[in-house]
Amino acid sequence: MSDTPSRLQLLQFTRRVVEQQARASLRQLDRWIADEERREAERRQAEERRPPPPEWLIERGLDRSSLVAVHTGDCWDPGKRQMPATREQARDAIRQQVPACSKCRPDTRLGLLE
């Protein structure tokens, strides 16, 4: 008998190797799926815990004491030095001549016009 494996033996060996590699790949893929499911759950939890955005914003000046503008809470350009405000605070600020943002027009939403 020869020491050379037969074609059938080689095919059976190849099948075992492929099956072993496939199991290892599936285990790795399952870990990736579990990791992504965990991250998605964490993202959903973080989103649920996030407080709602403020309805109104007041932008402060560089000195932190002067008021620069009043914005709606969903304004796309509120500036970096903003603070949340109530409806009444936003109204009072506009009445005290704090400019309303020209992009989100909080004065219109508040029922005030400049």
C-alpha atoms as a PDB file:
ATOM      1  CA  MET A   1       0.000   0.000   0.000  1.00  0.00           C
ATOM      2  CA  SER A   2       1.303   3.456  -0.835  1.00  0.00           C
ATOM      3  CA  ASP A   3       1.879   6.278   1.655  1.00  0.00           C
ATOM      4  CA  THR A   4       0.138   8.730  -0.629  1.00  0.00           C
ATOM      5  CA  PRO A   5      -3.402   9.513   0.537  1.00  0.00           C
ATOM      6  CA  SER A   6      -6.173   8.734  -1.882  1.00  0.00           C
ATOM      7  CA  ARG A   7      -8.256  11.366  -3.565  1.00  0.00           C
ATOM      8  CA  LEU A   8     -11.179  10.458  -1.291  1.00  0.00           C
ATOM      9  CA  GLN A   9      -9.034  10.885   1.837  1.00  0.00           C
ATOM     10  CA  LEU A  10      -7.839  14.283   0.621  1.00  0.00           C
ATOM     11  CA  LEU A  11     -11.398  15.416  -0.049  1.00  0.00           C
ATOM     12  CA  GLN A  12     -12.527  14.251   3.410  1.00  0.00           C
ATOM     13  CA  PHE A  13      -9.602  16.060   5.026  1.00  0.00           C
ATOM     14  CA  THR A  14     -10.419  19.238   3.065  1.00  0.00           C
ATOM     15  CA  ARG A  15     -14.043  18.997   4.177  1.00  0.00           C
ATOM     16  CA  ARG A  16     -12.985  18.758   7.853  1.00  0.00           C
ATOM     17  CA  VAL A  17     -10.697  21.803   7.483  1.00  0.00           C
ATOM     18  CA  VAL A  18     -13.403  23.855   5.757  1.00  0.00           C
ATOM     19  CA  GLU A  19     -15.972  22.823   8.381  1.00  0.00           C
ATOM     20  CA  GLN A  20     -13.586  23.799  11.206  1.00  0.00           C
ATOM     21  CA  GLN A  21     -12.874  27.184   9.588  1.00  0.00           C
ATOM     22  CA  ALA A  22     -16.580  27.774   8.995  1.00  0.00           C
ATOM     23  CA  ARG A  23     -17.389  27.085  12.671  1.00  0.00           C
ATOM     24  CA  ALA A  24     -14.629  29.476  13.764  1.00  0.00           C
ATOM     25  CA  SER A  25     -15.899  32.150  11.360  1.00  0.00           C
ATOM     26  CA  LEU A  26     -19.471  31.715  12.597  1.00  0.00           C
ATOM     27  CA  ARG A  27     -18.332  32.038  16.234  1.00  0.00           C
ATOM     28  CA  GLN A  28     -16.496  35.244  15.362  1.00  0.00           C
ATOM     29  CA  LEU A  29     -19.515  36.573  13.451  1.00  0.00           C
ATOM     30  CA  ASP A  30     -21.796  35.708  16.387  1.00  0.00           C
ATOM     31  CA  ARG A  31     -19.486  37.686  18.714  1.00  0.00           C
ATOM     32  CA  TRP A  32     -19.606  40.661  16.358  1.00  0.00           C
ATOM     33  CA  ILE A  33     -23.406  40.459  16.213  1.00  0.00           C
ATOM     34  CA  ALA A  34     -23.654  40.246  20.018  1.00  0.00           C
ATOM     35  CA  ASP A  35     -21.311  43.230  20.400  1.00  0.00           C
ATOM     36  CA  GLU A  36     -23.350  45.289  17.936  1.00  0.00           C
ATOM     37  CA  GLU A  37     -26.631  44.320  19.640  1.00  0.00           C
ATOM     38  CA  ARG A  38     -25.142  45.437  22.966  1.00  0.00           C
ATOM     39  CA  ARG A  39     -24.005  48.753  21.468  1.00  0.00           C
ATOM     40  CA  GLU A  40     -27.437  49.317  19.910  1.00  0.00           C
ATOM     41  CA  ALA A  41     -29.119  48.640  23.261  1.00  0.00           C
ATOM     42  CA  GLU A  42     -26.733  51.082  24.958  1.00  0.00           C
ATOM     43  CA  ARG A  43     -27.483  53.729  22.305  1.00  0.00           C
ATOM     44  CA  ARG A  44     -31.246  53.260  22.779  1.00  0.00           C
ATOM     45  CA  GLN A  45     -30.887  53.518  26.556  1.00  0.00           C
ATOM     46  CA  ALA A  46     -28.779  56.666  26.244  1.00  0.00           C
ATOM     47  CA  GLU A  47     -31.348  58.179  23.888  1.00  0.00           C
ATOM     48  CA  GLU A  48     -34.189  57.361  26.293  1.00  0.00           C
ATOM     49  CA  ARG A  49     -32.295  58.894  29.220  1.00  0.00           C
ATOM     50  CA  ARG A  50     -31.372  62.076  27.358  1.00  0.00           C
ATOM     51  CA  PRO A  51     -33.430  64.996  28.606  1.00  0.00           C
ATOM     52  CA  PRO A  52     -35.635  66.687  26.035  1.00  0.00           C
ATOM     53  CA  PRO A  53     -34.095  69.712  24.359  1.00  0.00           C
ATOM     54  CA  PRO A  54     -35.100  73.069  25.794  1.00  0.00           C
ATOM     55  CA  GLU A  55     -37.925  74.874  24.032  1.00  0.00           C
ATOM     56  CA  TRP A  56     -36.053  78.203  24.098  1.00  0.00           C
ATOM     57  CA  LEU A  57     -32.408  79.287  24.282  1.00  0.00           C
ATOM     58  CA  ILE A  58     -30.776  82.561  25.224  1.00  0.00           C
ATOM     59  CA  GLU A  59     -27.316  83.211  23.839  1.00  0.00           C
ATOM     60  CA  ARG A  60     -24.894  85.064  26.089  1.00  0.00           C
ATOM     61  CA  GLY A  61     -22.047  87.351  25.098  1.00  0.00           C
ATOM     62  CA  LEU A  62     -18.357  86.797  25.734  1.00  0.00           C
ATOM     63  CA  ASP A  63     -18.612  88.406  29.155  1.00  0.00           C
ATOM     64  CA  ARG A  64     -21.355  85.897  30.110  1.00  0.00           C
ATOM     65  CA  SER A  65     -23.532  88.685  31.515  1.00  0.00           C
ATOM     66  CA  SER A  66     -24.814  90.335  28.339  1.00  0.00           C
ATOM     67  CA  LEU A  67     -27.500  88.651  26.253  1.00  0.00           C
ATOM     68  CA  VAL A  68     -26.836  88.407  22.518  1.00  0.00           C
ATOM     69  CA  ALA A  69     -29.889  86.663  21.052  1.00  0.00           C
ATOM     70  CA  VAL A  70     -32.983  84.587  21.741  1.00  0.00           C
ATOM     71  CA  HIS A  71     -33.372  81.290  19.852  1.00  0.00           C
ATOM     72  CA  THR A  72     -35.890  78.484  19.610  1.00  0.00           C
ATOM     73  CA  GLY A  73     -34.686  75.196  21.081  1.00  0.00           C
ATOM     74  CA  ASP A  74     -34.396  73.633  17.638  1.00  0.00           C
ATOM     75  CA  CYS A  75     -32.405  76.485  16.067  1.00  0.00           C
ATOM     76  CA  TRP A  76     -29.533  75.271  13.920  1.00  0.00           C
ATOM     77  CA  ASP A  77     -27.318  78.252  14.828  1.00  0.00           C
ATOM     78  CA  PRO A  78     -27.695  79.056  18.536  1.00  0.00           C
ATOM     79  CA  GLY A  79     -24.050  79.942  19.230  1.00  0.00           C
ATOM     80  CA  LYS A  80     -21.729  78.351  21.752  1.00  0.00           C
ATOM     81  CA  ARG A  81     -22.673  80.316  24.858  1.00  0.00           C
ATOM     82  CA  GLN A  82     -26.304  79.350  25.175  1.00  0.00           C
ATOM     83  CA  MET A  83     -28.484  78.614  28.147  1.00  0.00           C
ATOM     84  CA  PRO A  84     -31.915  77.020  28.275  1.00  0.00           C
ATOM     85  CA  ALA A  85     -34.807  79.371  28.958  1.00  0.00           C
ATOM     86  CA  THR A  86     -38.504  79.177  29.705  1.00  0.00           C
ATOM     87  CA  ARG A  87     -41.087  80.694  27.407  1.00  0.00           C
ATOM     88  CA  GLU A  88     -41.481  83.646  29.768  1.00  0.00           C
ATOM     89  CA  GLN A  89     -37.725  84.245  29.965  1.00  0.00           C
ATOM     90  CA  ALA A  90     -37.503  84.243  26.167  1.00  0.00           C
ATOM     91  CA  ARG A  91     -40.470  86.624  25.924  1.00  0.00           C
ATOM     92  CA  ASP A  92     -39.024  88.954  28.560  1.00  0.00           C
ATOM     93  CA  ALA A  93     -35.622  88.979  26.845  1.00  0.00           C
ATOM     94  CA  ILE A  94     -37.173  89.987  23.511  1.00  0.00           C
ATOM     95  CA  ARG A  95     -39.269  92.640  25.252  1.00  0.00           C
ATOM     96  CA  GLN A  96     -36.038  93.964  26.812  1.00  0.00           C
ATOM     97  CA  GLN A  97     -34.597  94.461  23.317  1.00  0.00           C
ATOM     98  CA  VAL A  98     -32.503  91.273  23.139  1.00  0.00           C
ATOM     99  CA  PRO A  99     -32.491  90.494  19.405  1.00  0.00           C
ATOM    100  CA  ALA A 100     -34.438  87.513  18.126  1.00  0.00           C
ATOM    101  CA  CYS A 101     -32.454  85.107  15.973  1.00  0.00           C
ATOM    102  CA  SER A 102     -33.038  85.896  12.302  1.00  0.00           C
ATOM    103  CA  LYS A 103     -32.800  82.211  11.375  1.00  0.00           C
ATOM    104  CA  CYS A 104     -35.298  80.538  13.726  1.00  0.00           C
ATOM    105  CA  ARG A 105     -37.489  83.611  14.416  1.00  0.00           C
ATOM    106  CA  PRO A 106     -38.467  82.990  18.070  1.00  0.00           C
ATOM    107  CA  ASP A 107     -40.381  86.281  18.125  1.00  0.00           C
ATOM    108  CA  THR A 108     -42.824  84.855  15.574  1.00  0.00           C
ATOM    109  CA  ARG A 109     -43.286  81.639  17.539  1.00  0.00           C
ATOM    110  CA  LEU A 110     -43.797  83.603  20.727  1.00  0.00           C
ATOM    111  CA  GLY A 111     -46.402  85.775  19.062  1.00  0.00           C
ATOM    112  CA  LEU A 112     -44.207  88.885  19.284  1.00  0.00           C
ATOM    113  CA  LEU A 113     -42.934  90.894  16.364  1.00  0.00           C
ATOM    114  CA  GLU A 114     -39.966  93.213  16.410  1.00  0.00           C
END
